[in-house]
Structure formats: C-alpha cells, structure tokens
Amino acid sequence: MKAPLLDLFVELQSQQFPLGVGEYALALNALAKGLGTGSREQLIVMCQTIWAKTIEEQVQVRKASDLLLPAR
C-alpha cells in the first residue's frame, strides 16, 4: 500500500525540515475532513499550508512533492 503523505513527511524530515508527529497528524486530520483530496495540487497546497511557515519552506515542500508525487 502506498502512503504518499507519509513518504513526503519522511523525506522532508530527512532534509531537516522542522516537522514532528503532530504536524503529520494535522495533515491526516485535514485529509480525513476532505482537504487536499481533490487533486495532487490540492494535496501539495494543503501540506504547504499546514507545514510551511515561510516562503522558503513552501518551496521545499513543493520540491519534495514534485520528487515524490510525480504528475501523471
């Protein structure tokens, strides 16, 4: 079973991105409520919104997403 959100979380942590289990839980909760589920782009924006605090962090989330969540 693929877990793209977990893969993205682990990749960002490996890049020293400031994420903990609480931030992962927030993203799971958002997904459970239907946020970020409509498309790849919506998932990326949801992750940027929840996890990134700066423009640089938004770019880092985008780059990791592009690496792990290729467009079809």
N, C-alpha and C. Protein backbone atom coordinates (compact mmCIF):
# COMPACT_ATOMS: atom_id res chain seq x y z
N MET A 1 0.84 -1.19 0.00
CA MET A 1 0.00 0.00 0.00
C MET A 1 0.88 1.25 0.00
N LYS A 2 0.57 2.18 -0.87
CA LYS A 2 1.34 3.41 -0.96
C LYS A 2 0.82 4.41 0.06
N ALA A 3 1.74 5.15 0.64
CA ALA A 3 1.39 6.18 1.61
C ALA A 3 2.14 7.46 1.22
N PRO A 4 1.66 8.16 0.17
CA PRO A 4 2.41 9.32 -0.32
C PRO A 4 2.58 10.42 0.71
N LEU A 5 1.61 10.63 1.57
CA LEU A 5 1.75 11.67 2.59
C LEU A 5 2.87 11.30 3.56
N LEU A 6 2.91 10.05 3.98
CA LEU A 6 3.98 9.59 4.88
C LEU A 6 5.33 9.69 4.19
N ASP A 7 5.39 9.29 2.91
CA ASP A 7 6.65 9.39 2.17
C ASP A 7 7.13 10.84 2.11
N LEU A 8 6.22 11.76 1.87
CA LEU A 8 6.57 13.18 1.81
C LEU A 8 7.06 13.67 3.17
N PHE A 9 6.36 13.27 4.22
CA PHE A 9 6.73 13.64 5.59
C PHE A 9 8.14 13.15 5.92
N VAL A 10 8.41 11.89 5.63
CA VAL A 10 9.72 11.31 5.93
C VAL A 10 10.82 11.99 5.11
N GLU A 11 10.54 12.26 3.84
CA GLU A 11 11.52 12.95 3.00
C GLU A 11 11.84 14.34 3.56
N LEU A 12 10.81 15.07 3.94
CA LEU A 12 11.06 16.41 4.48
C LEU A 12 11.84 16.33 5.80
N GLN A 13 11.51 15.38 6.65
CA GLN A 13 12.27 15.22 7.89
C GLN A 13 13.74 14.93 7.59
N SER A 14 14.00 14.12 6.56
CA SER A 14 15.38 13.79 6.21
C SER A 14 16.14 15.02 5.72
N GLN A 15 15.41 16.03 5.27
CA GLN A 15 16.00 17.29 4.82
C GLN A 15 16.07 18.32 5.95
N GLN A 16 15.89 17.86 7.17
CA GLN A 16 15.92 18.71 8.37
C GLN A 16 14.78 19.72 8.41
N PHE A 17 13.70 19.43 7.70
CA PHE A 17 12.50 20.27 7.75
C PHE A 17 11.89 20.11 9.14
N PRO A 18 11.49 21.20 9.78
CA PRO A 18 11.00 21.11 11.17
C PRO A 18 9.59 20.53 11.29
N LEU A 19 9.50 19.21 11.20
CA LEU A 19 8.21 18.52 11.32
C LEU A 19 8.29 17.47 12.41
N GLY A 20 7.18 17.36 13.13
CA GLY A 20 7.05 16.30 14.12
C GLY A 20 5.79 15.51 13.85
N VAL A 21 5.54 14.56 14.70
CA VAL A 21 4.37 13.70 14.55
C VAL A 21 3.08 14.51 14.60
N GLY A 22 3.08 15.58 15.39
CA GLY A 22 1.89 16.43 15.49
C GLY A 22 1.51 17.05 14.16
N GLU A 23 2.51 17.49 13.41
CA GLU A 23 2.23 18.08 12.09
C GLU A 23 1.71 17.02 11.11
N TYR A 24 2.25 15.81 11.23
CA TYR A 24 1.74 14.73 10.38
C TYR A 24 0.29 14.43 10.74
N ALA A 25 -0.01 14.40 12.02
CA ALA A 25 -1.39 14.15 12.47
C ALA A 25 -2.33 15.24 11.97
N LEU A 26 -1.88 16.49 11.97
CA LEU A 26 -2.71 17.59 11.45
C LEU A 26 -3.04 17.36 9.97
N ALA A 27 -2.05 16.92 9.21
CA ALA A 27 -2.28 16.66 7.79
C ALA A 27 -3.25 15.50 7.59
N LEU A 28 -3.10 14.45 8.38
CA LEU A 28 -4.03 13.32 8.30
C LEU A 28 -5.45 13.76 8.65
N ASN A 29 -5.57 14.59 9.67
CA ASN A 29 -6.88 15.11 10.07
C ASN A 29 -7.50 15.95 8.95
N ALA A 30 -6.69 16.77 8.32
CA ALA A 30 -7.18 17.59 7.20
C ALA A 30 -7.66 16.69 6.06
N LEU A 31 -6.90 15.65 5.75
CA LEU A 31 -7.31 14.71 4.70
C LEU A 31 -8.63 14.03 5.07
N ALA A 32 -8.76 13.64 6.33
CA ALA A 32 -9.98 12.98 6.78
C ALA A 32 -11.20 13.89 6.63
N LYS A 33 -10.97 15.19 6.68
CA LYS A 33 -12.05 16.17 6.52
C LYS A 33 -12.24 16.58 5.06
N GLY A 34 -11.48 15.96 4.17
CA GLY A 34 -11.65 16.22 2.75
C GLY A 34 -10.74 17.27 2.16
N LEU A 35 -9.87 17.86 2.95
CA LEU A 35 -8.94 18.87 2.43
C LEU A 35 -7.78 18.18 1.73
N GLY A 36 -7.41 18.68 0.58
CA GLY A 36 -6.27 18.13 -0.15
C GLY A 36 -6.54 16.84 -0.87
N THR A 37 -7.80 16.46 -0.99
CA THR A 37 -8.11 15.16 -1.60
C THR A 37 -8.55 15.26 -3.05
N GLY A 38 -8.78 16.45 -3.57
CA GLY A 38 -9.32 16.59 -4.91
C GLY A 38 -8.33 16.38 -6.02
N SER A 39 -7.05 16.68 -5.76
CA SER A 39 -6.03 16.57 -6.80
C SER A 39 -4.65 16.59 -6.14
N ARG A 40 -3.66 16.27 -6.94
CA ARG A 40 -2.27 16.33 -6.49
C ARG A 40 -1.94 17.75 -6.02
N GLU A 41 -2.35 18.73 -6.81
CA GLU A 41 -2.07 20.13 -6.47
C GLU A 41 -2.72 20.52 -5.14
N GLN A 42 -3.94 20.08 -4.92
CA GLN A 42 -4.62 20.40 -3.65
C GLN A 42 -3.90 19.76 -2.47
N LEU A 43 -3.38 18.55 -2.65
CA LEU A 43 -2.62 17.89 -1.58
C LEU A 43 -1.36 18.68 -1.26
N ILE A 44 -0.66 19.13 -2.30
CA ILE A 44 0.58 19.89 -2.10
C ILE A 44 0.28 21.20 -1.38
N VAL A 45 -0.74 21.91 -1.82
CA VAL A 45 -1.10 23.19 -1.19
C VAL A 45 -1.50 22.98 0.27
N MET A 46 -2.23 21.91 0.53
CA MET A 46 -2.61 21.60 1.92
C MET A 46 -1.36 21.37 2.77
N CYS A 47 -0.41 20.61 2.26
CA CYS A 47 0.82 20.36 3.01
C CYS A 47 1.62 21.65 3.21
N GLN A 48 1.69 22.48 2.19
CA GLN A 48 2.38 23.76 2.33
C GLN A 48 1.70 24.61 3.40
N THR A 49 0.39 24.62 3.39
CA THR A 49 -0.36 25.45 4.33
C THR A 49 -0.15 24.98 5.77
N ILE A 50 -0.17 23.68 5.97
CA ILE A 50 -0.06 23.15 7.33
C ILE A 50 1.39 23.12 7.81
N TRP A 51 2.32 22.77 6.94
CA TRP A 51 3.68 22.51 7.38
C TRP A 51 4.65 23.67 7.20
N ALA A 52 4.44 24.53 6.22
CA ALA A 52 5.42 25.58 5.91
C ALA A 52 5.08 26.88 6.63
N LYS A 53 6.10 27.48 7.21
CA LYS A 53 5.91 28.76 7.91
C LYS A 53 6.53 29.93 7.14
N THR A 54 7.34 29.61 6.14
CA THR A 54 7.99 30.66 5.34
C THR A 54 7.86 30.30 3.85
N ILE A 55 8.16 31.27 3.01
CA ILE A 55 8.16 31.03 1.57
C ILE A 55 9.20 29.96 1.22
N GLU A 56 10.36 30.02 1.86
CA GLU A 56 11.41 29.04 1.60
C GLU A 56 10.93 27.63 1.94
N GLU A 57 10.21 27.49 3.04
CA GLU A 57 9.67 26.18 3.41
C GLU A 57 8.59 25.73 2.43
N GLN A 58 7.81 26.67 1.92
CA GLN A 58 6.82 26.31 0.90
C GLN A 58 7.52 25.74 -0.34
N VAL A 59 8.61 26.36 -0.72
CA VAL A 59 9.38 25.89 -1.88
C VAL A 59 9.95 24.50 -1.59
N GLN A 60 10.44 24.29 -0.39
CA GLN A 60 10.99 22.99 -0.02
C GLN A 60 9.92 21.90 -0.07
N VAL A 61 8.72 22.19 0.41
CA VAL A 61 7.61 21.24 0.34
C VAL A 61 7.27 20.96 -1.12
N ARG A 62 7.23 21.99 -1.94
CA ARG A 62 6.92 21.83 -3.37
C ARG A 62 7.95 20.94 -4.05
N LYS A 63 9.23 21.19 -3.81
CA LYS A 63 10.29 20.41 -4.45
C LYS A 63 10.22 18.94 -4.02
N ALA A 64 10.02 18.69 -2.75
CA ALA A 64 9.91 17.31 -2.27
C ALA A 64 8.66 16.65 -2.85
N SER A 65 7.57 17.40 -2.96
CA SER A 65 6.34 16.87 -3.54
C SER A 65 6.54 16.52 -5.01
N ASP A 66 7.23 17.38 -5.74
CA ASP A 66 7.48 17.11 -7.15
C ASP A 66 8.34 15.86 -7.33
N LEU A 67 9.23 15.62 -6.38
CA LEU A 67 10.09 14.44 -6.44
C LEU A 67 9.30 13.16 -6.12
N LEU A 68 8.44 13.23 -5.12
CA LEU A 68 7.75 12.04 -4.62
C LEU A 68 6.35 11.83 -5.17
N LEU A 69 5.73 12.89 -5.63
CA LEU A 69 4.36 12.81 -6.14
C LEU A 69 4.32 13.28 -7.59
N PRO A 70 4.93 12.51 -8.49
CA PRO A 70 5.00 12.98 -9.87
C PRO A 70 3.62 13.17 -10.50
N ALA A 71 3.53 14.17 -11.34
CA ALA A 71 2.28 14.40 -12.06
C ALA A 71 2.06 13.26 -13.03
N ARG A 72 0.81 12.91 -13.22
CA ARG A 72 0.52 11.77 -14.12
C ARG A 72 0.32 12.24 -15.52
